[in-house]
Amino acid sequence: MPNTVLSAQHSKRVEPNVERFETPNGSSRRQAILDASARLFSDQGFSGTTIRQIAEHTNIESGSLYYHFRSKKEILQEILMFAISTTDHRVRATVAELPEGTSPRQKVEAALRAHLQALHDHIEYTSTNSRYSGQIPAAVHILVQPHRQKYSDFWQELLRQAQEDGAINEDLNLSLLRPLILGTLNHTMEWYDAKRGDIDALFGIIKVMISGIWNVAD
């Protein structure tokens, strides 16, 4: 999801406090900048978006934007961290709240449904996270990648447990299965309009598509 890596000193200067990304934060003006940037990045990419465009969409002068953010890279960093952390939090919370006795298959399906919902609830943020990976500056990638990896590790463990419990076919390579399934869900952001459609109906089709991963006895 590369530009020249910024100096170590600059990387430290913009390194985030992860807690701040659990919800969009800061003043209403700061939030307006993030929202406008997410829309622009989602539509035309990070490289194709200028500070001037962000300022115009926020109805402020370009110079005023730097009162809230040091650079366009820092704006992107906050958008990516919000996309990752909100999706991660929603999926983990969904699984944690399942009643005792929930089957491994039901856990995986509930997590997939939560992932899909999180994508479409914050689509301008989450689509920026998935669409333009090749445009993410190296310094930003270095900062957000550990959080992406943490989320991937959660999924790998969830699928591993389901496979060990006999729910998922033992012949399936989970390192291939995980990105294949999540990639399918992520791709729905390219064509599905959750505002007009029924996300439960969409997920019902997805469940049919992936039904082959399950052991018949489950």
N, C-alpha and C. Protein backbone atom coordinates (compact mmCIF):
# COMPACT_ATOMS: atom_id res chain seq x y z
N MET A 1 0.88 -1.13 0.00
CA MET A 1 0.00 0.00 0.00
C MET A 1 0.87 1.11 0.00
N PRO A 2 6.35 4.52 -3.49
CA PRO A 2 6.89 4.85 -2.13
C PRO A 2 7.69 6.05 -2.37
N ASN A 3 7.72 6.97 -1.86
CA ASN A 3 8.50 8.17 -1.96
C ASN A 3 9.75 7.98 -1.11
N THR A 4 10.68 8.95 -1.23
CA THR A 4 11.91 8.84 -0.46
C THR A 4 11.61 8.89 1.03
N VAL A 5 12.26 8.03 1.78
CA VAL A 5 12.03 7.98 3.22
C VAL A 5 12.48 9.28 3.86
N LEU A 6 11.62 9.83 4.70
CA LEU A 6 12.00 11.06 5.40
C LEU A 6 13.07 10.76 6.42
N SER A 7 13.72 11.78 6.87
CA SER A 7 14.77 11.60 7.86
C SER A 7 14.20 11.01 9.12
N ALA A 8 15.04 10.33 9.89
CA ALA A 8 14.59 9.72 11.14
C ALA A 8 14.05 10.78 12.08
N GLN A 9 14.67 11.95 12.04
CA GLN A 9 14.22 13.01 12.93
C GLN A 9 12.80 13.41 12.60
N HIS A 10 12.48 13.54 11.29
CA HIS A 10 11.13 13.95 10.91
C HIS A 10 10.14 12.85 11.23
N SER A 11 10.53 11.59 11.02
CA SER A 11 9.63 10.48 11.30
C SER A 11 9.23 10.48 12.76
N LYS A 12 10.18 10.75 13.65
CA LYS A 12 9.86 10.79 15.07
C LYS A 12 8.91 11.94 15.37
N ARG A 13 9.08 13.04 14.64
CA ARG A 13 8.27 14.20 14.92
C ARG A 13 6.80 13.98 14.61
N VAL A 14 6.49 13.16 13.63
CA VAL A 14 5.10 12.96 13.25
C VAL A 14 4.54 11.65 13.76
N GLU A 15 5.33 10.86 14.51
CA GLU A 15 4.84 9.56 14.97
C GLU A 15 3.64 9.76 15.88
N PRO A 16 2.54 9.03 15.63
CA PRO A 16 1.30 9.29 16.33
C PRO A 16 1.22 8.61 17.69
N ASN A 17 0.38 9.17 18.51
CA ASN A 17 -0.10 8.46 19.69
C ASN A 17 -1.29 7.64 19.23
N VAL A 18 -1.19 6.33 19.25
CA VAL A 18 -2.20 5.48 18.62
C VAL A 18 -3.59 5.74 19.18
N GLU A 19 -3.68 6.05 20.47
CA GLU A 19 -4.99 6.22 21.10
C GLU A 19 -5.81 7.30 20.41
N ARG A 20 -5.17 8.30 19.87
CA ARG A 20 -5.90 9.42 19.29
C ARG A 20 -6.65 9.03 18.03
N PHE A 21 -6.31 7.87 17.45
CA PHE A 21 -6.92 7.50 16.20
C PHE A 21 -8.15 6.62 16.37
N GLU A 22 -8.59 6.39 17.57
CA GLU A 22 -9.75 5.54 17.75
C GLU A 22 -11.03 6.21 17.26
N THR A 23 -11.06 7.53 17.28
CA THR A 23 -12.13 8.27 16.64
C THR A 23 -11.51 9.51 16.04
N PRO A 24 -12.13 10.12 15.02
CA PRO A 24 -11.60 11.38 14.52
C PRO A 24 -11.55 12.37 15.67
N ASN A 25 -10.46 13.11 15.79
CA ASN A 25 -10.31 13.92 16.98
C ASN A 25 -9.99 15.36 16.63
N GLY A 26 -9.93 16.16 17.66
CA GLY A 26 -9.49 17.53 17.51
C GLY A 26 -10.65 18.47 17.26
N SER A 27 -10.32 19.71 16.88
CA SER A 27 -11.31 20.74 16.65
C SER A 27 -12.17 20.39 15.45
N SER A 28 -13.31 21.08 15.35
CA SER A 28 -14.19 20.87 14.20
C SER A 28 -13.48 21.24 12.90
N ARG A 29 -12.62 22.25 12.95
CA ARG A 29 -11.87 22.63 11.74
C ARG A 29 -10.89 21.54 11.36
N ARG A 30 -10.20 21.01 12.34
CA ARG A 30 -9.26 19.92 12.07
C ARG A 30 -9.99 18.72 11.49
N GLN A 31 -11.16 18.41 12.06
CA GLN A 31 -11.93 17.28 11.55
C GLN A 31 -12.41 17.55 10.13
N ALA A 32 -12.80 18.78 9.84
CA ALA A 32 -13.23 19.13 8.49
C ALA A 32 -12.10 18.93 7.49
N ILE A 33 -10.88 19.24 7.90
CA ILE A 33 -9.72 19.04 7.03
C ILE A 33 -9.52 17.56 6.76
N LEU A 34 -9.63 16.74 7.80
CA LEU A 34 -9.48 15.29 7.63
C LEU A 34 -10.56 14.73 6.71
N ASP A 35 -11.80 15.16 6.92
CA ASP A 35 -12.90 14.65 6.10
C ASP A 35 -12.74 15.05 4.63
N ALA A 36 -12.39 16.31 4.40
CA ALA A 36 -12.19 16.77 3.02
C ALA A 36 -11.02 16.04 2.37
N SER A 37 -9.95 15.86 3.13
CA SER A 37 -8.77 15.16 2.60
C SER A 37 -9.10 13.71 2.27
N ALA A 38 -9.86 13.05 3.15
CA ALA A 38 -10.23 11.66 2.90
C ALA A 38 -11.05 11.55 1.62
N ARG A 39 -11.97 12.48 1.40
CA ARG A 39 -12.76 12.45 0.16
C ARG A 39 -11.87 12.63 -1.06
N LEU A 40 -10.97 13.59 -0.99
CA LEU A 40 -10.09 13.86 -2.12
C LEU A 40 -9.11 12.71 -2.36
N PHE A 41 -8.49 12.21 -1.30
CA PHE A 41 -7.55 11.09 -1.45
C PHE A 41 -8.28 9.87 -2.01
N SER A 42 -9.50 9.64 -1.54
CA SER A 42 -10.27 8.48 -2.01
C SER A 42 -10.61 8.61 -3.48
N ASP A 43 -10.93 9.82 -3.92
CA ASP A 43 -11.35 10.04 -5.32
C ASP A 43 -10.18 10.12 -6.29
N GLN A 44 -9.10 10.80 -5.90
CA GLN A 44 -8.05 11.09 -6.87
C GLN A 44 -6.65 10.71 -6.41
N GLY A 45 -6.55 10.08 -5.25
CA GLY A 45 -5.26 9.62 -4.78
C GLY A 45 -4.51 10.67 -3.98
N PHE A 46 -3.54 10.21 -3.22
CA PHE A 46 -2.71 11.12 -2.42
C PHE A 46 -1.86 12.00 -3.32
N SER A 47 -1.23 11.40 -4.32
CA SER A 47 -0.35 12.15 -5.21
C SER A 47 -1.11 13.18 -6.04
N GLY A 48 -2.36 12.88 -6.36
CA GLY A 48 -3.15 13.77 -7.19
C GLY A 48 -3.85 14.88 -6.44
N THR A 49 -3.68 14.93 -5.14
CA THR A 49 -4.35 15.92 -4.31
C THR A 49 -3.35 16.93 -3.79
N THR A 50 -3.69 18.20 -3.88
CA THR A 50 -2.80 19.26 -3.40
C THR A 50 -3.33 19.88 -2.11
N ILE A 51 -2.44 20.53 -1.40
CA ILE A 51 -2.84 21.27 -0.20
C ILE A 51 -3.86 22.34 -0.56
N ARG A 52 -3.68 22.97 -1.70
CA ARG A 52 -4.63 24.00 -2.13
C ARG A 52 -6.04 23.43 -2.28
N GLN A 53 -6.13 22.24 -2.89
CA GLN A 53 -7.44 21.61 -3.06
C GLN A 53 -8.08 21.29 -1.71
N ILE A 54 -7.27 20.77 -0.79
CA ILE A 54 -7.79 20.46 0.54
C ILE A 54 -8.31 21.74 1.21
N ALA A 55 -7.54 22.81 1.11
CA ALA A 55 -7.94 24.08 1.72
C ALA A 55 -9.23 24.60 1.09
N GLU A 56 -9.34 24.50 -0.24
CA GLU A 56 -10.54 24.97 -0.93
C GLU A 56 -11.77 24.19 -0.48
N HIS A 57 -11.62 22.88 -0.31
CA HIS A 57 -12.76 22.05 0.10
C HIS A 57 -13.10 22.23 1.57
N THR A 58 -12.19 22.88 2.31
CA THR A 58 -12.45 23.14 3.73
C THR A 58 -12.80 24.60 3.97
N ASN A 59 -12.76 25.40 2.89
CA ASN A 59 -13.06 26.83 2.97
C ASN A 59 -12.11 27.59 3.89
N ILE A 60 -10.82 27.25 3.78
CA ILE A 60 -9.80 27.99 4.52
C ILE A 60 -8.66 28.34 3.57
N GLU A 61 -7.80 29.25 4.00
CA GLU A 61 -6.61 29.57 3.23
C GLU A 61 -5.59 28.44 3.36
N SER A 62 -4.81 28.23 2.31
CA SER A 62 -3.83 27.14 2.33
C SER A 62 -2.90 27.25 3.53
N GLY A 63 -2.46 28.47 3.84
CA GLY A 63 -1.54 28.65 4.95
C GLY A 63 -2.15 28.30 6.29
N SER A 64 -3.47 28.48 6.41
CA SER A 64 -4.14 28.18 7.68
C SER A 64 -4.16 26.69 7.97
N LEU A 65 -4.08 25.88 6.92
CA LEU A 65 -4.11 24.44 7.11
C LEU A 65 -2.93 23.97 7.95
N TYR A 66 -1.80 24.67 7.80
CA TYR A 66 -0.60 24.26 8.53
C TYR A 66 -0.68 24.56 10.03
N TYR A 67 -1.69 25.28 10.44
CA TYR A 67 -1.92 25.46 11.87
C TYR A 67 -2.37 24.15 12.51
N HIS A 68 -3.04 23.31 11.70
CA HIS A 68 -3.59 22.04 12.20
C HIS A 68 -2.73 20.83 11.86
N PHE A 69 -2.04 20.88 10.73
CA PHE A 69 -1.21 19.76 10.28
C PHE A 69 0.09 20.31 9.70
N ARG A 70 1.18 19.59 9.96
CA ARG A 70 2.47 20.04 9.47
C ARG A 70 2.65 19.79 7.98
N SER A 71 1.93 18.80 7.44
CA SER A 71 2.14 18.45 6.03
C SER A 71 0.98 17.60 5.53
N LYS A 72 0.95 17.42 4.22
CA LYS A 72 -0.04 16.52 3.62
C LYS A 72 0.21 15.09 4.07
N LYS A 73 1.46 14.74 4.29
CA LYS A 73 1.78 13.39 4.77
C LYS A 73 1.17 13.14 6.14
N GLU A 74 1.21 14.14 7.00
CA GLU A 74 0.64 13.96 8.34
C GLU A 74 -0.87 13.78 8.26
N ILE A 75 -1.52 14.48 7.35
CA ILE A 75 -2.96 14.29 7.15
C ILE A 75 -3.24 12.86 6.72
N LEU A 76 -2.47 12.38 5.75
CA LEU A 76 -2.64 11.01 5.27
C LEU A 76 -2.43 10.01 6.40
N GLN A 77 -1.43 10.26 7.20
CA GLN A 77 -1.13 9.36 8.32
C GLN A 77 -2.33 9.23 9.26
N GLU A 78 -2.95 10.36 9.59
CA GLU A 78 -4.12 10.31 10.49
C GLU A 78 -5.28 9.57 9.84
N ILE A 79 -5.48 9.79 8.55
CA ILE A 79 -6.57 9.11 7.84
C ILE A 79 -6.35 7.60 7.84
N LEU A 80 -5.15 7.18 7.53
CA LEU A 80 -4.85 5.75 7.50
C LEU A 80 -4.98 5.12 8.88
N MET A 81 -4.48 5.81 9.90
CA MET A 81 -4.55 5.26 11.24
C MET A 81 -6.00 5.15 11.72
N PHE A 82 -6.82 6.13 11.36
CA PHE A 82 -8.23 6.05 11.73
C PHE A 82 -8.90 4.88 11.02
N ALA A 83 -8.62 4.70 9.74
CA ALA A 83 -9.21 3.60 8.98
C ALA A 83 -8.84 2.25 9.58
N ILE A 84 -7.57 2.09 9.89
CA ILE A 84 -7.10 0.81 10.43
C ILE A 84 -7.66 0.57 11.83
N SER A 85 -7.56 1.58 12.70
CA SER A 85 -7.93 1.38 14.10
C SER A 85 -9.43 1.18 14.28
N THR A 86 -10.26 1.89 13.52
CA THR A 86 -11.70 1.72 13.67
C THR A 86 -12.15 0.35 13.17
N THR A 87 -11.57 -0.10 12.08
CA THR A 87 -11.91 -1.43 11.57
C THR A 87 -11.46 -2.50 12.55
N ASP A 88 -10.23 -2.38 13.02
CA ASP A 88 -9.68 -3.32 13.99
C ASP A 88 -10.55 -3.37 15.25
N HIS A 89 -10.86 -2.21 15.78
CA HIS A 89 -11.65 -2.16 17.02
C HIS A 89 -13.03 -2.77 16.83
N ARG A 90 -13.67 -2.47 15.72
CA ARG A 90 -15.02 -3.00 15.50
C ARG A 90 -15.02 -4.52 15.39
N VAL A 91 -14.06 -5.05 14.66
CA VAL A 91 -14.01 -6.50 14.48
C VAL A 91 -13.70 -7.20 15.80
N ARG A 92 -12.69 -6.72 16.52
CA ARG A 92 -12.34 -7.34 17.80
C ARG A 92 -13.51 -7.27 18.79
N ALA A 93 -14.17 -6.12 18.85
CA ALA A 93 -15.29 -5.96 19.78
C ALA A 93 -16.43 -6.90 19.42
N THR A 94 -16.68 -7.05 18.13
CA THR A 94 -17.75 -7.95 17.68
C THR A 94 -17.48 -9.38 18.13
N VAL A 95 -16.26 -9.83 17.94
CA VAL A 95 -15.90 -11.20 18.33
C VAL A 95 -15.96 -11.35 19.85
N ALA A 96 -15.46 -10.35 20.57
CA ALA A 96 -15.43 -10.42 22.04
C ALA A 96 -16.83 -10.47 22.64
N GLU A 97 -17.80 -9.87 21.97
CA GLU A 97 -19.16 -9.79 22.50
C GLU A 97 -20.02 -11.00 22.14
N LEU A 98 -19.49 -11.92 21.35
CA LEU A 98 -20.26 -13.10 20.99
C LEU A 98 -20.50 -13.97 22.23
N PRO A 99 -21.65 -14.59 22.33
CA PRO A 99 -21.95 -15.40 23.52
C PRO A 99 -21.10 -16.66 23.59
N GLU A 100 -20.93 -17.16 24.78
CA GLU A 100 -20.19 -18.40 24.98
C GLU A 100 -20.87 -19.53 24.20
N GLY A 101 -20.08 -20.36 23.58
CA GLY A 101 -20.63 -21.44 22.79
C GLY A 101 -20.78 -21.13 21.32
N THR A 102 -20.44 -19.89 20.93
CA THR A 102 -20.48 -19.54 19.51
C THR A 102 -19.49 -20.42 18.76
N SER A 103 -19.90 -20.97 17.65
CA SER A 103 -19.04 -21.88 16.90
C SER A 103 -17.91 -21.12 16.21
N PRO A 104 -16.80 -21.79 15.89
CA PRO A 104 -15.70 -21.13 15.18
C PRO A 104 -16.16 -20.51 13.87
N ARG A 105 -17.01 -21.20 13.15
CA ARG A 105 -17.52 -20.65 11.88
C ARG A 105 -18.32 -19.37 12.13
N GLN A 106 -19.16 -19.37 13.14
CA GLN A 106 -19.95 -18.18 13.45
C GLN A 106 -19.05 -17.01 13.86
N LYS A 107 -17.96 -17.30 14.56
CA LYS A 107 -17.03 -16.25 14.95
C LYS A 107 -16.39 -15.61 13.72
N VAL A 108 -15.93 -16.45 12.81
CA VAL A 108 -15.29 -15.93 11.60
C VAL A 108 -16.30 -15.13 10.77
N GLU A 109 -17.50 -15.66 10.63
CA GLU A 109 -18.50 -14.95 9.84
C GLU A 109 -18.91 -13.63 10.49
N ALA A 110 -19.01 -13.60 11.81
CA ALA A 110 -19.33 -12.36 12.51
C ALA A 110 -18.21 -11.33 12.33
N ALA A 111 -16.96 -11.79 12.37
CA ALA A 111 -15.82 -10.90 12.17
C ALA A 111 -15.81 -10.35 10.75
N LEU A 112 -16.11 -11.20 9.78
CA LEU A 112 -16.17 -10.75 8.39
C LEU A 112 -17.27 -9.72 8.19
N ARG A 113 -18.41 -9.96 8.80
CA ARG A 113 -19.54 -9.01 8.69
C ARG A 113 -19.17 -7.67 9.32
N ALA A 114 -18.48 -7.70 10.45
CA ALA A 114 -18.05 -6.46 11.11
C ALA A 114 -17.02 -5.72 10.27
N HIS A 115 -16.11 -6.46 9.65
CA HIS A 115 -15.11 -5.84 8.77
C HIS A 115 -15.80 -5.14 7.61
N LEU A 116 -16.76 -5.81 7.00
CA LEU A 116 -17.48 -5.23 5.86
C LEU A 116 -18.23 -3.97 6.28
N GLN A 117 -18.89 -4.01 7.43
CA GLN A 117 -19.64 -2.85 7.90
C GLN A 117 -18.71 -1.68 8.19
N ALA A 118 -17.58 -1.95 8.82
CA ALA A 118 -16.63 -0.88 9.14
C ALA A 118 -16.11 -0.22 7.87
N LEU A 119 -15.84 -1.01 6.85
CA LEU A 119 -15.38 -0.45 5.58
C LEU A 119 -16.36 0.58 5.04
N HIS A 120 -17.63 0.22 5.04
CA HIS A 120 -18.64 1.06 4.40
C HIS A 120 -19.16 2.17 5.31
N ASP A 121 -18.98 2.04 6.61
CA ASP A 121 -19.36 3.11 7.53
C ASP A 121 -18.41 4.30 7.41
N HIS A 122 -17.17 4.05 7.05
CA HIS A 122 -16.15 5.11 6.96
C HIS A 122 -15.45 5.01 5.61
N ILE A 123 -16.22 4.90 4.53
CA ILE A 123 -15.66 4.48 3.26
C ILE A 123 -14.61 5.43 2.70
N GLU A 124 -14.74 6.73 2.93
CA GLU A 124 -13.74 7.65 2.39
C GLU A 124 -12.39 7.48 3.08
N TYR A 125 -12.42 7.09 4.34
CA TYR A 125 -11.19 6.80 5.07
C TYR A 125 -10.65 5.42 4.69
N THR A 126 -11.51 4.43 4.73
CA THR A 126 -11.05 3.06 4.49
C THR A 126 -10.66 2.83 3.04
N SER A 127 -11.33 3.48 2.10
CA SER A 127 -10.95 3.30 0.70
C SER A 127 -9.61 3.97 0.41
N THR A 128 -9.32 5.07 1.10
CA THR A 128 -7.99 5.68 0.97
C THR A 128 -6.93 4.70 1.44
N ASN A 129 -7.25 3.96 2.48
CA ASN A 129 -6.31 2.98 3.04
C ASN A 129 -6.03 1.84 2.07
N SER A 130 -7.00 1.48 1.24
CA SER A 130 -6.83 0.29 0.40
C SER A 130 -6.54 0.60 -1.07
N ARG A 131 -6.94 1.76 -1.58
CA ARG A 131 -6.86 2.01 -3.02
C ARG A 131 -5.48 2.43 -3.51
N TYR A 132 -4.79 3.24 -2.74
CA TYR A 132 -3.60 3.90 -3.27
C TYR A 132 -2.35 3.52 -2.50
N SER A 133 -2.17 2.23 -2.30
CA SER A 133 -1.04 1.77 -1.50
C SER A 133 0.30 2.19 -2.11
N GLY A 134 0.36 2.23 -3.42
CA GLY A 134 1.61 2.59 -4.08
C GLY A 134 1.98 4.05 -3.93
N GLN A 135 1.05 4.88 -3.47
CA GLN A 135 1.31 6.31 -3.32
C GLN A 135 1.67 6.71 -1.89
N ILE A 136 1.59 5.77 -0.98
CA ILE A 136 1.86 6.12 0.42
C ILE A 136 3.35 6.37 0.63
N PRO A 137 3.73 7.54 1.09
CA PRO A 137 5.15 7.83 1.32
C PRO A 137 5.76 6.81 2.29
N ALA A 138 7.02 6.51 2.07
CA ALA A 138 7.69 5.47 2.85
C ALA A 138 7.65 5.76 4.35
N ALA A 139 7.83 7.02 4.72
CA ALA A 139 7.84 7.37 6.15
C ALA A 139 6.49 7.13 6.79
N VAL A 140 5.42 7.37 6.05
CA VAL A 140 4.07 7.10 6.57
C VAL A 140 3.84 5.60 6.64
N HIS A 141 4.25 4.90 5.61
CA HIS A 141 4.10 3.44 5.58
C HIS A 141 4.78 2.80 6.79
N ILE A 142 5.97 3.26 7.12
CA ILE A 142 6.71 2.70 8.25
C ILE A 142 5.92 2.87 9.55
N LEU A 143 5.23 3.98 9.69
CA LEU A 143 4.49 4.25 10.92
C LEU A 143 3.18 3.47 11.01
N VAL A 144 2.50 3.27 9.88
CA VAL A 144 1.19 2.61 9.94
C VAL A 144 1.28 1.10 9.78
N GLN A 145 2.36 0.61 9.16
CA GLN A 145 2.44 -0.81 8.88
C GLN A 145 2.34 -1.71 10.12
N PRO A 146 2.95 -1.35 11.25
CA PRO A 146 2.80 -2.22 12.43
C PRO A 146 1.35 -2.40 12.85
N HIS A 147 0.53 -1.40 12.64
CA HIS A 147 -0.88 -1.50 13.01
C HIS A 147 -1.66 -2.33 12.00
N ARG A 148 -1.29 -2.23 10.73
CA ARG A 148 -1.86 -3.13 9.73
C ARG A 148 -1.50 -4.58 10.05
N GLN A 149 -0.24 -4.77 10.42
CA GLN A 149 0.23 -6.12 10.72
C GLN A 149 -0.48 -6.69 11.94
N LYS A 150 -0.71 -5.86 12.93
CA LYS A 150 -1.42 -6.31 14.13
C LYS A 150 -2.82 -6.80 13.77
N TYR A 151 -3.48 -6.09 12.88
CA TYR A 151 -4.82 -6.51 12.44
C TYR A 151 -4.75 -7.80 11.63
N SER A 152 -3.77 -7.90 10.75
CA SER A 152 -3.59 -9.13 9.98
C SER A 152 -3.32 -10.32 10.89
N ASP A 153 -2.51 -10.09 11.92
CA ASP A 153 -2.20 -11.17 12.86
C ASP A 153 -3.45 -11.63 13.60
N PHE A 154 -4.34 -10.69 13.93
CA PHE A 154 -5.60 -11.07 14.57
C PHE A 154 -6.39 -12.02 13.68
N TRP A 155 -6.47 -11.69 12.40
CA TRP A 155 -7.21 -12.53 11.47
C TRP A 155 -6.54 -13.89 11.29
N GLN A 156 -5.23 -13.87 11.20
CA GLN A 156 -4.52 -15.14 11.04
C GLN A 156 -4.79 -16.07 12.21
N GLU A 157 -4.80 -15.52 13.41
CA GLU A 157 -5.06 -16.33 14.61
C GLU A 157 -6.51 -16.80 14.66
N LEU A 158 -7.44 -15.93 14.28
CA LEU A 158 -8.85 -16.32 14.28
C LEU A 158 -9.09 -17.48 13.31
N LEU A 159 -8.50 -17.39 12.13
CA LEU A 159 -8.66 -18.46 11.14
C LEU A 159 -7.93 -19.73 11.59
N ARG A 160 -6.77 -19.55 12.23
CA ARG A 160 -6.01 -20.72 12.70
C ARG A 160 -6.82 -21.49 13.74
N GLN A 161 -7.44 -20.77 14.66
CA GLN A 161 -8.25 -21.42 15.68
C GLN A 161 -9.43 -22.17 15.05
N ALA A 162 -10.05 -21.55 14.05
CA ALA A 162 -11.18 -22.20 13.38
C ALA A 162 -10.73 -23.46 12.65
N GLN A 163 -9.54 -23.40 12.07
CA GLN A 163 -9.02 -24.58 11.37
C GLN A 163 -8.65 -25.68 12.36
N GLU A 164 -8.03 -25.31 13.47
CA GLU A 164 -7.67 -26.30 14.48
C GLU A 164 -8.90 -26.96 15.10
N ASP A 165 -9.99 -26.20 15.18
CA ASP A 165 -11.23 -26.74 15.73
C ASP A 165 -12.01 -27.56 14.70
N GLY A 166 -11.48 -27.65 13.49
CA GLY A 166 -12.11 -28.48 12.48
C GLY A 166 -13.15 -27.79 11.63
N ALA A 167 -13.30 -26.47 11.80
CA ALA A 167 -14.31 -25.74 11.02
C ALA A 167 -13.84 -25.47 9.60
N ILE A 168 -12.58 -25.08 9.46
CA ILE A 168 -12.01 -24.77 8.15
C ILE A 168 -11.24 -25.98 7.63
N ASN A 169 -11.40 -26.24 6.36
CA ASN A 169 -10.71 -27.36 5.71
C ASN A 169 -9.22 -27.32 6.04
N GLU A 170 -8.71 -28.44 6.54
CA GLU A 170 -7.31 -28.49 6.99
C GLU A 170 -6.32 -28.38 5.84
N ASP A 171 -6.76 -28.59 4.61
CA ASP A 171 -5.86 -28.50 3.46
C ASP A 171 -5.64 -27.07 2.99
N LEU A 172 -6.41 -26.13 3.51
CA LEU A 172 -6.30 -24.75 3.05
C LEU A 172 -5.13 -24.03 3.71
N ASN A 173 -4.39 -23.27 2.91
CA ASN A 173 -3.28 -22.45 3.39
C ASN A 173 -3.85 -21.13 3.90
N LEU A 174 -3.80 -20.92 5.19
CA LEU A 174 -4.42 -19.74 5.79
C LEU A 174 -3.73 -18.44 5.37
N SER A 175 -2.44 -18.52 5.07
CA SER A 175 -1.71 -17.32 4.64
C SER A 175 -2.18 -16.85 3.27
N LEU A 176 -2.78 -17.74 2.51
CA LEU A 176 -3.40 -17.38 1.24
C LEU A 176 -4.88 -17.05 1.42
N LEU A 177 -5.52 -17.78 2.31
CA LEU A 177 -6.96 -17.61 2.52
C LEU A 177 -7.29 -16.24 3.09
N ARG A 178 -6.51 -15.80 4.08
CA ARG A 178 -6.81 -14.52 4.74
C ARG A 178 -6.83 -13.35 3.77
N PRO A 179 -5.76 -13.10 3.00
CA PRO A 179 -5.82 -11.95 2.10
C PRO A 179 -6.84 -12.11 0.98
N LEU A 180 -7.12 -13.36 0.61
CA LEU A 180 -8.11 -13.59 -0.44
C LEU A 180 -9.51 -13.18 0.02
N ILE A 181 -9.87 -13.60 1.24
CA ILE A 181 -11.20 -13.26 1.75
C ILE A 181 -11.31 -11.77 2.07
N LEU A 182 -10.33 -11.23 2.80
CA LEU A 182 -10.40 -9.82 3.15
C LEU A 182 -10.30 -8.93 1.92
N GLY A 183 -9.51 -9.37 0.94
CA GLY A 183 -9.41 -8.62 -0.30
C GLY A 183 -10.74 -8.56 -1.04
N THR A 184 -11.49 -9.66 -0.98
CA THR A 184 -12.82 -9.68 -1.59
C THR A 184 -13.74 -8.66 -0.92
N LEU A 185 -13.70 -8.61 0.40
CA LEU A 185 -14.52 -7.63 1.12
C LEU A 185 -14.06 -6.21 0.82
N ASN A 186 -12.75 -6.00 0.81
CA ASN A 186 -12.23 -4.66 0.54
C ASN A 186 -12.61 -4.17 -0.85
N HIS A 187 -12.66 -5.08 -1.80
CA HIS A 187 -12.96 -4.69 -3.19
C HIS A 187 -14.40 -4.20 -3.33
N THR A 188 -15.28 -4.55 -2.41
CA THR A 188 -16.66 -4.07 -2.52
C THR A 188 -16.73 -2.55 -2.44
N MET A 189 -15.71 -1.92 -1.87
CA MET A 189 -15.70 -0.45 -1.81
C MET A 189 -15.61 0.18 -3.19
N GLU A 190 -15.16 -0.59 -4.18
CA GLU A 190 -15.00 -0.06 -5.52
C GLU A 190 -16.31 0.01 -6.29
N TRP A 191 -17.30 -0.77 -5.89
CA TRP A 191 -18.51 -0.84 -6.70
C TRP A 191 -19.82 -0.85 -5.92
N TYR A 192 -19.78 -1.15 -4.63
CA TYR A 192 -21.02 -1.28 -3.87
C TYR A 192 -21.35 0.02 -3.14
N ASP A 193 -22.59 0.48 -3.28
CA ASP A 193 -23.05 1.69 -2.60
C ASP A 193 -23.92 1.28 -1.42
N ALA A 194 -23.34 1.30 -0.24
CA ALA A 194 -24.06 0.86 0.96
C ALA A 194 -25.24 1.77 1.28
N LYS A 195 -25.23 3.01 0.78
CA LYS A 195 -26.33 3.93 1.06
C LYS A 195 -27.59 3.53 0.29
N ARG A 196 -27.41 2.81 -0.80
CA ARG A 196 -28.56 2.41 -1.61
C ARG A 196 -28.90 0.93 -1.47
N GLY A 197 -27.97 0.16 -1.01
CA GLY A 197 -28.16 -1.27 -0.97
C GLY A 197 -28.36 -1.81 0.43
N ASP A 198 -28.47 -3.11 0.51
CA ASP A 198 -28.65 -3.82 1.77
C ASP A 198 -27.37 -4.60 2.05
N ILE A 199 -26.61 -4.13 3.03
CA ILE A 199 -25.31 -4.75 3.28
C ILE A 199 -25.46 -6.18 3.80
N ASP A 200 -26.58 -6.48 4.43
CA ASP A 200 -26.82 -7.86 4.86
C ASP A 200 -27.01 -8.77 3.66
N ALA A 201 -27.70 -8.26 2.64
CA ALA A 201 -27.87 -9.05 1.42
C ALA A 201 -26.52 -9.28 0.74
N LEU A 202 -25.69 -8.24 0.73
CA LEU A 202 -24.35 -8.37 0.16
C LEU A 202 -23.55 -9.42 0.92
N PHE A 203 -23.60 -9.36 2.23
CA PHE A 203 -22.83 -10.32 3.01
C PHE A 203 -23.37 -11.73 2.84
N GLY A 204 -24.67 -11.86 2.65
CA GLY A 204 -25.24 -13.17 2.39
C GLY A 204 -24.63 -13.82 1.16
N ILE A 205 -24.41 -13.01 0.13
CA ILE A 205 -23.78 -13.53 -1.09
C ILE A 205 -22.32 -13.89 -0.83
N ILE A 206 -21.64 -13.06 -0.06
CA ILE A 206 -20.25 -13.34 0.27
C ILE A 206 -20.13 -14.65 1.03
N LYS A 207 -21.05 -14.90 1.95
CA LYS A 207 -21.02 -16.16 2.70
C LYS A 207 -21.17 -17.36 1.78
N VAL A 208 -22.03 -17.23 0.77
CA VAL A 208 -22.19 -18.32 -0.19
C VAL A 208 -20.89 -18.52 -0.98
N MET A 209 -20.25 -17.41 -1.35
CA MET A 209 -19.02 -17.48 -2.14
C MET A 209 -17.90 -18.20 -1.39
N ILE A 210 -17.82 -18.00 -0.08
CA ILE A 210 -16.72 -18.59 0.69
C ILE A 210 -17.13 -19.88 1.39
N SER A 211 -18.31 -20.37 1.09
CA SER A 211 -18.81 -21.56 1.80
C SER A 211 -17.92 -22.78 1.61
N GLY A 212 -17.15 -22.79 0.54
CA GLY A 212 -16.28 -23.94 0.28
C GLY A 212 -15.12 -24.10 1.23
N ILE A 213 -14.84 -23.09 2.05
CA ILE A 213 -13.71 -23.21 2.98
C ILE A 213 -14.08 -24.06 4.19
N TRP A 214 -15.38 -24.24 4.42
CA TRP A 214 -15.82 -24.91 5.64
C TRP A 214 -15.92 -26.41 5.45
N ASN A 215 -15.60 -27.14 6.49
CA ASN A 215 -15.86 -28.57 6.48
C ASN A 215 -17.36 -28.79 6.55
N VAL A 216 -17.85 -29.75 5.81
CA VAL A 216 -19.29 -29.98 5.71
C VAL A 216 -19.91 -30.25 7.07
N ALA A 217 -19.17 -30.90 7.93
CA ALA A 217 -19.71 -31.29 9.24
C ALA A 217 -19.89 -30.11 10.17
N ASP A 218 -19.25 -28.97 9.85
CA ASP A 218 -19.33 -27.84 10.78
C ASP A 218 -20.73 -27.24 10.80
